[in-house]
N, C-alpha and C. Protein backbone atom coordinates (compact mmCIF):
# COMPACT_ATOMS: atom_id res chain seq x y z
N MET A 1 -31.75 78.25 -29.30
CA MET A 1 -31.88 77.16 -30.25
C MET A 1 -30.51 76.52 -30.46
N GLY A 2 -30.56 75.30 -30.89
CA GLY A 2 -29.33 74.58 -31.13
C GLY A 2 -28.84 73.81 -29.92
N GLN A 3 -29.54 73.89 -28.80
CA GLN A 3 -29.13 73.17 -27.61
C GLN A 3 -29.43 71.69 -27.74
N ARG A 4 -28.56 70.88 -27.15
CA ARG A 4 -28.81 69.44 -27.12
C ARG A 4 -29.74 69.16 -25.96
N VAL A 5 -30.76 68.35 -26.22
CA VAL A 5 -31.74 68.00 -25.19
C VAL A 5 -32.05 66.51 -25.27
N GLU A 6 -32.65 66.04 -24.20
CA GLU A 6 -33.15 64.67 -24.17
C GLU A 6 -34.62 64.73 -23.80
N ALA A 7 -35.41 63.93 -24.46
CA ALA A 7 -36.84 63.86 -24.19
C ALA A 7 -37.27 62.40 -24.25
N SER A 8 -38.42 62.14 -23.69
CA SER A 8 -38.97 60.80 -23.82
C SER A 8 -40.47 60.93 -24.03
N GLY A 9 -41.01 60.00 -24.75
CA GLY A 9 -42.43 60.03 -25.04
C GLY A 9 -42.81 58.82 -25.86
N THR A 10 -44.00 58.85 -26.39
CA THR A 10 -44.48 57.74 -27.21
C THR A 10 -44.75 58.24 -28.63
N TRP A 11 -44.42 57.41 -29.59
CA TRP A 11 -44.69 57.74 -30.99
C TRP A 11 -46.18 57.57 -31.25
N ILE A 12 -46.74 58.47 -32.05
CA ILE A 12 -48.15 58.38 -32.42
C ILE A 12 -48.23 57.65 -33.75
N PRO A 13 -48.94 56.53 -33.81
CA PRO A 13 -49.02 55.76 -35.06
C PRO A 13 -49.70 56.57 -36.17
N GLY A 14 -49.19 56.40 -37.38
CA GLY A 14 -49.75 57.09 -38.54
C GLY A 14 -49.18 58.48 -38.76
N ASP A 15 -48.29 58.92 -37.86
CA ASP A 15 -47.76 60.28 -37.97
C ASP A 15 -46.28 60.33 -38.36
N PHE A 16 -45.79 59.29 -39.00
CA PHE A 16 -44.43 59.31 -39.53
C PHE A 16 -44.53 59.85 -40.95
N ILE A 17 -43.94 61.02 -41.18
CA ILE A 17 -44.10 61.74 -42.45
C ILE A 17 -42.73 62.03 -43.03
N VAL A 18 -42.61 61.93 -44.35
CA VAL A 18 -41.36 62.20 -45.05
C VAL A 18 -41.33 63.66 -45.48
N VAL A 19 -40.20 64.33 -45.18
CA VAL A 19 -39.98 65.72 -45.60
C VAL A 19 -38.84 65.70 -46.60
N SER A 20 -39.09 66.27 -47.79
CA SER A 20 -38.08 66.24 -48.85
C SER A 20 -37.18 67.47 -48.81
N SER A 21 -36.20 67.49 -49.68
CA SER A 21 -35.25 68.60 -49.82
C SER A 21 -34.47 68.85 -48.54
N ARG A 22 -34.04 67.80 -47.87
CA ARG A 22 -33.24 67.90 -46.65
C ARG A 22 -31.81 67.54 -46.98
N PHE A 23 -30.89 68.35 -46.55
CA PHE A 23 -29.48 68.12 -46.82
C PHE A 23 -28.79 67.55 -45.60
N ASN A 24 -27.91 66.58 -45.84
CA ASN A 24 -27.11 65.98 -44.78
C ASN A 24 -25.67 65.99 -45.26
N ASP A 25 -24.86 66.83 -44.68
CA ASP A 25 -23.46 67.00 -45.10
C ASP A 25 -23.37 67.32 -46.59
N GLY A 26 -24.25 68.19 -47.08
CA GLY A 26 -24.22 68.66 -48.46
C GLY A 26 -24.90 67.76 -49.47
N VAL A 27 -25.46 66.63 -49.05
CA VAL A 27 -26.13 65.71 -49.96
C VAL A 27 -27.64 65.83 -49.74
N GLN A 28 -28.39 66.04 -50.83
CA GLN A 28 -29.84 66.19 -50.72
C GLN A 28 -30.51 64.84 -50.55
N GLY A 29 -31.53 64.83 -49.69
CA GLY A 29 -32.26 63.60 -49.45
C GLY A 29 -33.57 63.89 -48.75
N TYR A 30 -33.96 63.00 -47.83
CA TYR A 30 -35.26 63.09 -47.16
C TYR A 30 -35.09 62.88 -45.66
N TRP A 31 -35.93 63.52 -44.90
CA TRP A 31 -36.01 63.26 -43.47
C TRP A 31 -37.29 62.48 -43.20
N VAL A 32 -37.21 61.56 -42.27
CA VAL A 32 -38.40 60.91 -41.76
C VAL A 32 -38.69 61.56 -40.41
N THR A 33 -39.92 62.05 -40.25
CA THR A 33 -40.29 62.76 -39.04
C THR A 33 -41.41 62.01 -38.33
N GLY A 34 -41.59 62.33 -37.07
CA GLY A 34 -42.67 61.71 -36.32
C GLY A 34 -43.16 62.63 -35.22
N GLN A 35 -44.35 62.30 -34.72
CA GLN A 35 -44.92 63.04 -33.60
C GLN A 35 -44.59 62.28 -32.31
N LEU A 36 -43.84 62.93 -31.43
CA LEU A 36 -43.49 62.34 -30.15
C LEU A 36 -44.37 62.98 -29.08
N ARG A 37 -45.23 62.21 -28.47
CA ARG A 37 -46.12 62.71 -27.41
C ARG A 37 -45.32 62.70 -26.12
N VAL A 38 -44.89 63.88 -25.65
CA VAL A 38 -44.01 63.98 -24.48
C VAL A 38 -44.79 64.12 -23.18
N ALA A 39 -46.03 64.52 -23.23
CA ALA A 39 -46.91 64.62 -22.07
C ALA A 39 -48.33 64.48 -22.58
N GLU A 40 -49.27 64.43 -21.67
CA GLU A 40 -50.65 64.31 -22.11
C GLU A 40 -51.04 65.56 -22.87
N ARG A 41 -51.44 65.39 -24.12
CA ARG A 41 -51.88 66.46 -25.02
C ARG A 41 -50.76 67.45 -25.33
N THR A 42 -49.50 67.01 -25.30
CA THR A 42 -48.36 67.85 -25.67
C THR A 42 -47.40 67.02 -26.52
N SER A 43 -47.04 67.56 -27.69
CA SER A 43 -46.16 66.83 -28.61
C SER A 43 -45.06 67.73 -29.15
N ILE A 44 -44.05 67.08 -29.71
CA ILE A 44 -42.98 67.78 -30.42
C ILE A 44 -42.70 67.00 -31.69
N ALA A 45 -42.41 67.73 -32.76
CA ALA A 45 -42.02 67.10 -34.02
C ALA A 45 -40.57 66.67 -33.90
N VAL A 46 -40.28 65.46 -34.36
CA VAL A 46 -38.93 64.92 -34.29
C VAL A 46 -38.48 64.52 -35.69
N ALA A 47 -37.31 65.01 -36.10
CA ALA A 47 -36.68 64.54 -37.33
C ALA A 47 -35.87 63.32 -36.92
N ILE A 48 -36.33 62.14 -37.29
CA ILE A 48 -35.77 60.88 -36.79
C ILE A 48 -34.47 60.51 -37.50
N GLY A 49 -34.41 60.71 -38.80
CA GLY A 49 -33.22 60.36 -39.54
C GLY A 49 -33.30 60.79 -40.99
N TRP A 50 -32.18 60.63 -41.70
CA TRP A 50 -32.06 61.07 -43.09
C TRP A 50 -31.96 59.86 -44.00
N ALA A 51 -32.58 59.96 -45.17
CA ALA A 51 -32.50 58.90 -46.19
C ALA A 51 -32.05 59.53 -47.50
N PRO A 52 -31.21 58.83 -48.27
CA PRO A 52 -30.72 59.39 -49.53
C PRO A 52 -31.76 59.39 -50.65
N ASP A 53 -32.80 58.52 -50.53
CA ASP A 53 -33.82 58.46 -51.58
C ASP A 53 -35.19 58.21 -50.95
N ARG A 54 -36.22 58.43 -51.73
CA ARG A 54 -37.59 58.33 -51.24
C ARG A 54 -37.95 56.88 -50.86
N GLU A 55 -37.44 55.92 -51.60
CA GLU A 55 -37.75 54.53 -51.31
C GLU A 55 -37.25 54.14 -49.92
N THR A 56 -36.02 54.55 -49.58
CA THR A 56 -35.46 54.26 -48.27
C THR A 56 -36.27 54.94 -47.18
N ALA A 57 -36.68 56.19 -47.43
CA ALA A 57 -37.49 56.93 -46.45
C ALA A 57 -38.84 56.25 -46.24
N ASP A 58 -39.49 55.81 -47.33
CA ASP A 58 -40.78 55.14 -47.20
C ASP A 58 -40.64 53.80 -46.47
N ALA A 59 -39.56 53.08 -46.72
CA ALA A 59 -39.32 51.81 -46.03
C ALA A 59 -39.11 52.06 -44.54
N ALA A 60 -38.42 53.13 -44.19
CA ALA A 60 -38.21 53.48 -42.78
C ALA A 60 -39.53 53.83 -42.11
N VAL A 61 -40.41 54.54 -42.83
CA VAL A 61 -41.73 54.86 -42.27
C VAL A 61 -42.49 53.58 -41.96
N GLU A 62 -42.47 52.62 -42.89
CA GLU A 62 -43.16 51.34 -42.66
C GLU A 62 -42.58 50.61 -41.45
N GLU A 63 -41.25 50.60 -41.32
CA GLU A 63 -40.60 49.94 -40.19
C GLU A 63 -40.95 50.63 -38.87
N LEU A 64 -40.96 51.97 -38.88
CA LEU A 64 -41.31 52.72 -37.66
C LEU A 64 -42.76 52.47 -37.28
N GLU A 65 -43.65 52.47 -38.27
CA GLU A 65 -45.07 52.23 -38.00
C GLU A 65 -45.27 50.83 -37.39
N ALA A 66 -44.53 49.84 -37.90
CA ALA A 66 -44.67 48.48 -37.39
C ALA A 66 -44.15 48.36 -35.97
N GLY A 67 -43.20 49.22 -35.60
CA GLY A 67 -42.60 49.15 -34.26
C GLY A 67 -43.32 49.95 -33.19
N VAL A 68 -44.34 50.71 -33.57
CA VAL A 68 -45.06 51.52 -32.58
C VAL A 68 -45.93 50.61 -31.72
N ASP A 69 -45.61 50.61 -30.41
CA ASP A 69 -46.40 49.76 -29.51
C ASP A 69 -46.85 50.51 -28.26
N GLY A 70 -46.68 51.82 -28.25
CA GLY A 70 -47.15 52.62 -27.12
C GLY A 70 -46.17 52.72 -25.97
N THR A 71 -44.99 52.10 -26.10
CA THR A 71 -44.01 52.20 -25.02
C THR A 71 -43.27 53.53 -25.12
N GLU A 72 -42.78 53.99 -23.99
CA GLU A 72 -42.06 55.26 -23.95
C GLU A 72 -40.65 55.05 -24.48
N VAL A 73 -40.21 55.96 -25.36
CA VAL A 73 -38.88 55.86 -25.97
C VAL A 73 -38.10 57.13 -25.67
N PRO A 74 -36.80 57.00 -25.39
CA PRO A 74 -35.97 58.19 -25.19
C PRO A 74 -35.47 58.71 -26.54
N VAL A 75 -35.43 60.03 -26.68
CA VAL A 75 -34.91 60.66 -27.89
C VAL A 75 -33.97 61.78 -27.47
N ALA A 76 -32.76 61.76 -28.02
CA ALA A 76 -31.79 62.82 -27.75
C ALA A 76 -31.49 63.52 -29.07
N GLY A 77 -31.31 64.82 -29.00
CA GLY A 77 -31.02 65.56 -30.22
C GLY A 77 -30.83 67.03 -29.96
N ARG A 78 -30.94 67.79 -31.03
CA ARG A 78 -30.73 69.23 -30.97
C ARG A 78 -32.03 69.94 -31.30
N ILE A 79 -32.40 70.93 -30.48
CA ILE A 79 -33.60 71.74 -30.72
C ILE A 79 -33.28 72.75 -31.83
N ILE A 80 -34.13 72.77 -32.85
CA ILE A 80 -33.91 73.66 -34.00
C ILE A 80 -35.19 74.44 -34.27
N SER A 81 -35.04 75.69 -34.68
CA SER A 81 -36.19 76.57 -34.96
C SER A 81 -37.03 76.04 -36.11
N ASP A 82 -38.31 76.20 -35.95
CA ASP A 82 -39.28 75.85 -36.99
C ASP A 82 -38.98 76.67 -38.24
N GLU A 83 -39.08 76.06 -39.41
CA GLU A 83 -38.81 76.76 -40.67
C GLU A 83 -40.04 77.46 -41.22
N GLY A 84 -41.19 77.24 -40.61
CA GLY A 84 -42.42 77.88 -41.09
C GLY A 84 -43.02 77.12 -42.25
N PRO A 85 -44.34 77.16 -42.35
CA PRO A 85 -45.00 76.43 -43.43
C PRO A 85 -44.78 77.13 -44.78
N GLN A 86 -45.00 76.37 -45.84
CA GLN A 86 -44.85 76.89 -47.19
C GLN A 86 -45.94 76.26 -48.05
N VAL A 87 -46.40 76.99 -49.03
CA VAL A 87 -47.40 76.45 -49.94
C VAL A 87 -46.75 75.32 -50.73
N PRO A 88 -47.37 74.13 -50.74
CA PRO A 88 -46.76 73.00 -51.46
C PRO A 88 -46.83 73.22 -52.97
N PRO A 89 -45.94 72.57 -53.70
CA PRO A 89 -45.98 72.71 -55.16
C PRO A 89 -47.28 72.12 -55.72
N GLN A 90 -47.74 72.67 -56.84
CA GLN A 90 -48.99 72.20 -57.43
C GLN A 90 -48.88 70.78 -57.96
N SER A 91 -47.67 70.35 -58.30
CA SER A 91 -47.49 69.00 -58.83
C SER A 91 -47.79 67.94 -57.77
N ASP A 92 -47.51 68.23 -56.49
CA ASP A 92 -47.79 67.29 -55.41
C ASP A 92 -48.19 68.08 -54.16
N PRO A 93 -49.47 68.29 -53.95
CA PRO A 93 -49.91 69.12 -52.81
C PRO A 93 -49.62 68.48 -51.45
N TYR A 94 -49.26 67.20 -51.40
CA TYR A 94 -48.97 66.54 -50.12
C TYR A 94 -47.47 66.52 -49.80
N GLN A 95 -46.67 67.11 -50.67
CA GLN A 95 -45.22 67.13 -50.46
C GLN A 95 -44.84 68.21 -49.46
N LEU A 96 -43.98 67.87 -48.52
CA LEU A 96 -43.44 68.84 -47.55
C LEU A 96 -41.98 69.06 -47.88
N ASP A 97 -41.59 70.34 -48.05
CA ASP A 97 -40.20 70.68 -48.33
C ASP A 97 -39.52 71.38 -47.17
N ARG A 98 -40.29 71.73 -46.15
CA ARG A 98 -39.75 72.47 -45.00
C ARG A 98 -40.13 71.75 -43.72
N MET A 99 -39.25 71.85 -42.73
CA MET A 99 -39.55 71.25 -41.43
C MET A 99 -40.35 72.26 -40.64
N SER A 100 -41.65 72.08 -40.65
CA SER A 100 -42.57 73.01 -40.01
C SER A 100 -43.54 72.25 -39.12
N SER A 101 -43.54 72.57 -37.84
CA SER A 101 -44.46 71.91 -36.92
C SER A 101 -45.91 72.19 -37.32
N ALA A 102 -46.19 73.38 -37.82
CA ALA A 102 -47.55 73.73 -38.23
C ALA A 102 -48.00 72.88 -39.42
N ALA A 103 -47.11 72.69 -40.40
CA ALA A 103 -47.46 71.87 -41.56
C ALA A 103 -47.62 70.40 -41.16
N LEU A 104 -46.77 69.93 -40.26
CA LEU A 104 -46.88 68.55 -39.80
C LEU A 104 -48.16 68.36 -38.99
N LEU A 105 -48.50 69.35 -38.17
CA LEU A 105 -49.70 69.27 -37.34
C LEU A 105 -50.95 69.08 -38.19
N SER A 106 -50.96 69.69 -39.37
CA SER A 106 -52.13 69.56 -40.24
C SER A 106 -52.29 68.14 -40.78
N ARG A 107 -51.25 67.31 -40.65
CA ARG A 107 -51.31 65.93 -41.14
C ARG A 107 -51.31 64.89 -40.03
N TRP A 108 -51.10 65.34 -38.80
CA TRP A 108 -51.06 64.40 -37.68
C TRP A 108 -52.46 63.96 -37.29
N HIS A 109 -52.52 62.86 -36.53
CA HIS A 109 -53.76 62.31 -36.00
C HIS A 109 -53.88 62.67 -34.52
N ASP A 110 -55.08 62.58 -33.99
CA ASP A 110 -55.34 62.80 -32.56
C ASP A 110 -54.77 64.15 -32.11
N ILE A 111 -55.26 65.22 -32.74
CA ILE A 111 -54.70 66.55 -32.45
C ILE A 111 -55.65 67.49 -31.73
N GLU A 112 -56.82 67.01 -31.35
CA GLU A 112 -57.78 67.89 -30.69
C GLU A 112 -57.22 68.37 -29.36
N GLN A 113 -57.18 69.68 -29.18
CA GLN A 113 -56.65 70.35 -27.99
C GLN A 113 -55.22 69.92 -27.69
N LEU A 114 -54.43 69.74 -28.74
CA LEU A 114 -53.04 69.32 -28.61
C LEU A 114 -52.13 70.55 -28.57
N ASP A 115 -51.23 70.60 -27.61
CA ASP A 115 -50.20 71.63 -27.57
C ASP A 115 -48.97 71.07 -28.28
N VAL A 116 -48.39 71.86 -29.17
CA VAL A 116 -47.22 71.42 -29.93
C VAL A 116 -46.12 72.44 -29.77
N TYR A 117 -44.92 71.95 -29.46
CA TYR A 117 -43.76 72.84 -29.40
C TYR A 117 -43.46 73.33 -30.80
N ARG A 118 -43.19 74.61 -30.94
CA ARG A 118 -42.92 75.15 -32.27
C ARG A 118 -41.56 74.69 -32.81
N PRO A 119 -40.49 74.74 -32.02
CA PRO A 119 -39.24 74.18 -32.55
C PRO A 119 -39.36 72.66 -32.65
N TYR A 120 -38.49 72.08 -33.43
CA TYR A 120 -38.50 70.63 -33.57
C TYR A 120 -37.20 70.05 -33.05
N LEU A 121 -37.18 68.76 -32.86
CA LEU A 121 -36.02 68.06 -32.33
C LEU A 121 -35.39 67.24 -33.45
N ALA A 122 -34.12 67.51 -33.75
CA ALA A 122 -33.37 66.72 -34.74
C ALA A 122 -32.62 65.65 -33.97
N SER A 123 -33.08 64.41 -34.09
CA SER A 123 -32.49 63.30 -33.34
C SER A 123 -31.05 63.07 -33.75
N THR A 124 -30.19 62.80 -32.77
CA THR A 124 -28.78 62.55 -33.08
C THR A 124 -28.54 61.09 -33.46
N THR A 125 -29.46 60.20 -33.08
CA THR A 125 -29.31 58.78 -33.39
C THR A 125 -30.49 58.33 -34.22
N ALA A 126 -30.21 57.98 -35.47
CA ALA A 126 -31.28 57.55 -36.38
C ALA A 126 -31.65 56.10 -36.10
N SER A 127 -32.86 55.75 -36.51
CA SER A 127 -33.32 54.37 -36.37
C SER A 127 -33.97 53.94 -37.67
N ALA A 128 -34.39 52.71 -37.76
CA ALA A 128 -35.12 52.16 -38.90
C ALA A 128 -34.32 52.24 -40.20
N GLY A 129 -33.00 52.04 -40.12
CA GLY A 129 -32.18 52.03 -41.33
C GLY A 129 -31.87 53.41 -41.89
N LEU A 130 -32.16 54.45 -41.14
CA LEU A 130 -31.87 55.81 -41.58
C LEU A 130 -30.47 56.23 -41.15
N VAL A 131 -29.98 57.31 -41.74
CA VAL A 131 -28.66 57.86 -41.42
C VAL A 131 -28.85 58.97 -40.39
N ASP A 132 -27.88 59.08 -39.45
CA ASP A 132 -27.94 60.16 -38.46
C ASP A 132 -27.96 61.52 -39.15
N ILE A 133 -28.78 62.42 -38.62
CA ILE A 133 -28.88 63.78 -39.18
C ILE A 133 -27.70 64.60 -38.68
N SER A 134 -27.02 65.23 -39.61
CA SER A 134 -25.91 66.10 -39.25
C SER A 134 -26.47 67.44 -38.80
N SER A 135 -26.37 67.69 -37.50
CA SER A 135 -26.85 68.97 -36.96
C SER A 135 -25.79 69.51 -36.01
N PRO A 136 -24.75 70.15 -36.59
CA PRO A 136 -23.67 70.67 -35.74
C PRO A 136 -24.17 71.81 -34.85
N ALA A 137 -23.43 72.05 -33.79
CA ALA A 137 -23.77 73.14 -32.88
C ALA A 137 -23.69 74.46 -33.64
N PRO A 138 -24.56 75.42 -33.30
CA PRO A 138 -24.49 76.71 -33.96
C PRO A 138 -23.17 77.41 -33.65
N GLU A 139 -22.72 78.20 -34.60
CA GLU A 139 -21.47 78.93 -34.41
C GLU A 139 -21.61 79.92 -33.28
N GLU A 140 -20.56 79.98 -32.47
CA GLU A 140 -20.55 80.93 -31.35
C GLU A 140 -20.44 82.34 -31.91
N MET A 141 -21.31 83.18 -31.43
CA MET A 141 -21.27 84.58 -31.82
C MET A 141 -20.33 85.30 -30.85
N SER A 142 -20.02 86.52 -31.15
CA SER A 142 -19.19 87.32 -30.26
C SER A 142 -19.88 87.44 -28.91
N PRO A 143 -19.13 87.29 -27.81
CA PRO A 143 -19.77 87.41 -26.49
C PRO A 143 -20.19 88.84 -26.18
N VAL A 144 -19.72 89.79 -26.99
CA VAL A 144 -20.06 91.19 -26.77
C VAL A 144 -21.20 91.57 -27.70
N ASN A 145 -22.25 92.10 -27.13
CA ASN A 145 -23.36 92.58 -27.93
C ASN A 145 -23.11 94.07 -28.17
N TRP A 146 -22.62 94.40 -29.35
CA TRP A 146 -22.21 95.77 -29.64
C TRP A 146 -23.38 96.74 -29.64
N LEU A 147 -24.56 96.29 -29.95
CA LEU A 147 -25.73 97.16 -29.90
C LEU A 147 -25.99 97.61 -28.46
N ASN A 148 -25.87 96.70 -27.50
CA ASN A 148 -26.05 97.08 -26.11
C ASN A 148 -24.96 98.04 -25.65
N VAL A 149 -23.73 97.84 -26.11
CA VAL A 149 -22.64 98.76 -25.77
C VAL A 149 -22.95 100.15 -26.33
N PHE A 150 -23.42 100.21 -27.57
CA PHE A 150 -23.77 101.50 -28.18
C PHE A 150 -24.86 102.20 -27.37
N TYR A 151 -25.90 101.44 -26.99
CA TYR A 151 -26.98 102.03 -26.18
C TYR A 151 -26.47 102.53 -24.84
N ALA A 152 -25.56 101.81 -24.21
CA ALA A 152 -25.01 102.24 -22.92
C ALA A 152 -24.24 103.56 -23.09
N VAL A 153 -23.45 103.64 -24.16
CA VAL A 153 -22.71 104.89 -24.42
C VAL A 153 -23.68 106.01 -24.74
N GLU A 154 -24.70 105.73 -25.52
CA GLU A 154 -25.70 106.73 -25.88
C GLU A 154 -26.38 107.28 -24.63
N TRP A 155 -26.77 106.41 -23.70
CA TRP A 155 -27.44 106.86 -22.48
C TRP A 155 -26.46 107.63 -21.58
N ALA A 156 -25.19 107.26 -21.56
CA ALA A 156 -24.20 108.01 -20.77
C ALA A 156 -24.06 109.42 -21.33
N ILE A 157 -24.02 109.54 -22.65
CA ILE A 157 -23.94 110.87 -23.28
C ILE A 157 -25.20 111.66 -22.99
N PHE A 158 -26.35 111.04 -23.08
CA PHE A 158 -27.62 111.70 -22.77
C PHE A 158 -27.65 112.18 -21.32
N ALA A 159 -27.19 111.34 -20.40
CA ALA A 159 -27.16 111.72 -18.98
C ALA A 159 -26.20 112.88 -18.76
N GLY A 160 -25.05 112.84 -19.45
CA GLY A 160 -24.09 113.94 -19.33
C GLY A 160 -24.68 115.24 -19.85
N PHE A 161 -25.38 115.19 -20.98
CA PHE A 161 -26.02 116.39 -21.53
C PHE A 161 -27.10 116.91 -20.59
N ALA A 162 -27.90 116.02 -20.03
CA ALA A 162 -28.96 116.44 -19.10
C ALA A 162 -28.34 117.10 -17.86
N PHE A 163 -27.25 116.50 -17.34
CA PHE A 163 -26.59 117.11 -16.18
C PHE A 163 -26.02 118.48 -16.54
N TYR A 164 -25.40 118.63 -17.73
CA TYR A 164 -24.85 119.91 -18.16
C TYR A 164 -25.97 120.95 -18.30
N LEU A 165 -27.09 120.54 -18.89
CA LEU A 165 -28.21 121.46 -19.06
C LEU A 165 -28.74 121.93 -17.70
N TRP A 166 -28.88 121.01 -16.75
CA TRP A 166 -29.31 121.36 -15.39
C TRP A 166 -28.31 122.33 -14.75
N TYR A 167 -27.01 122.04 -14.90
CA TYR A 167 -25.97 122.89 -14.33
C TYR A 167 -26.03 124.30 -14.91
N ARG A 168 -26.18 124.41 -16.23
CA ARG A 168 -26.24 125.74 -16.87
C ARG A 168 -27.48 126.51 -16.40
N LEU A 169 -28.64 125.83 -16.32
CA LEU A 169 -29.85 126.51 -15.87
C LEU A 169 -29.71 126.97 -14.42
N ALA A 170 -29.15 126.13 -13.56
CA ALA A 170 -28.95 126.51 -12.15
C ALA A 170 -27.95 127.64 -12.04
N LYS A 171 -26.86 127.58 -12.81
CA LYS A 171 -25.83 128.63 -12.75
C LYS A 171 -26.39 129.96 -13.26
N ASP A 172 -27.18 129.91 -14.37
CA ASP A 172 -27.78 131.14 -14.89
C ASP A 172 -28.76 131.75 -13.88
N ALA A 173 -29.56 130.92 -13.23
CA ALA A 173 -30.50 131.42 -12.21
C ALA A 173 -29.73 132.02 -11.04
N TRP A 174 -28.65 131.37 -10.62
CA TRP A 174 -27.85 131.89 -9.50
C TRP A 174 -27.20 133.22 -9.89
N GLU A 175 -26.62 133.32 -11.10
CA GLU A 175 -25.99 134.57 -11.56
C GLU A 175 -27.02 135.68 -11.67
N ARG A 176 -28.24 135.36 -12.11
CA ARG A 176 -29.31 136.35 -12.20
C ARG A 176 -29.67 136.88 -10.80
N GLU A 177 -29.78 135.97 -9.83
CA GLU A 177 -30.09 136.39 -8.46
C GLU A 177 -28.98 137.25 -7.88
N VAL A 178 -27.73 136.87 -8.14
CA VAL A 178 -26.59 137.67 -7.65
C VAL A 178 -26.61 139.04 -8.30
N GLU A 179 -26.88 139.09 -9.59
CA GLU A 179 -26.93 140.37 -10.31
C GLU A 179 -28.06 141.25 -9.77
N GLU A 180 -29.23 140.65 -9.53
CA GLU A 180 -30.35 141.41 -8.97
C GLU A 180 -30.01 141.91 -7.57
N PHE A 181 -29.33 141.07 -6.77
CA PHE A 181 -28.94 141.48 -5.42
C PHE A 181 -27.95 142.64 -5.49
N GLU A 182 -26.98 142.57 -6.40
CA GLU A 182 -25.99 143.66 -6.54
C GLU A 182 -26.68 144.93 -7.04
N ASP A 183 -27.64 144.78 -7.97
CA ASP A 183 -28.37 145.97 -8.46
C ASP A 183 -29.19 146.59 -7.34
N ALA A 184 -29.83 145.76 -6.51
CA ALA A 184 -30.62 146.28 -5.38
C ALA A 184 -29.70 146.95 -4.37
N ALA A 185 -28.54 146.38 -4.12
CA ALA A 185 -27.59 146.95 -3.16
C ALA A 185 -27.04 148.27 -3.70
N ALA A 186 -26.79 148.35 -5.01
CA ALA A 186 -26.27 149.57 -5.63
C ALA A 186 -27.33 150.66 -5.63
N ALA A 187 -28.60 150.28 -5.77
CA ALA A 187 -29.68 151.27 -5.79
C ALA A 187 -29.90 151.85 -4.40
N GLU A 188 -29.60 151.10 -3.32
CA GLU A 188 -29.80 151.61 -1.97
C GLU A 188 -28.69 152.56 -1.54
N THR A 189 -27.50 152.36 -2.03
CA THR A 189 -26.42 153.26 -1.67
C THR A 189 -26.31 154.38 -2.70
N PRO A 190 -26.29 155.67 -2.18
CA PRO A 190 -26.23 156.81 -3.11
C PRO A 190 -24.85 157.08 -3.66
């Protein structure tokens, strides 16, 4: 996740939805999202841009709806993990506070036998008077996976113990055979 990608597809009319409680560089506002049909019966949710207030977001939705003409559009952005659906507040059951492909799918049109990518695409270039969404690259983690190193050491210790156990069993069996041979040899000589 967090990789920059480019996709192209067609916007589905009626599926531009506003998601609230979205932060852009520490300022709370709204995202305008849309359904981008990238292949036949396959879509991805796209966060198109950020708006500081609901009026600006609603105006952007109207502008985007007016511009939908079925032509293929390129979209570049960052792939981000789905936040999962959440029960909407009782004050407004149609309000979305999380970017969830599943929640958006329940409001999209033309969804029969539709495959939807679970992660969503945060567009790097906003349109319709919206502000670009700030989606910096994820922080680089340590290139060393210490859990894997621990497991490798653990298996090396286990292999060493198994080899030692085999060696002791073989040595004890050999010493027993030598002892039995010496006892048999001592019993034959008077």
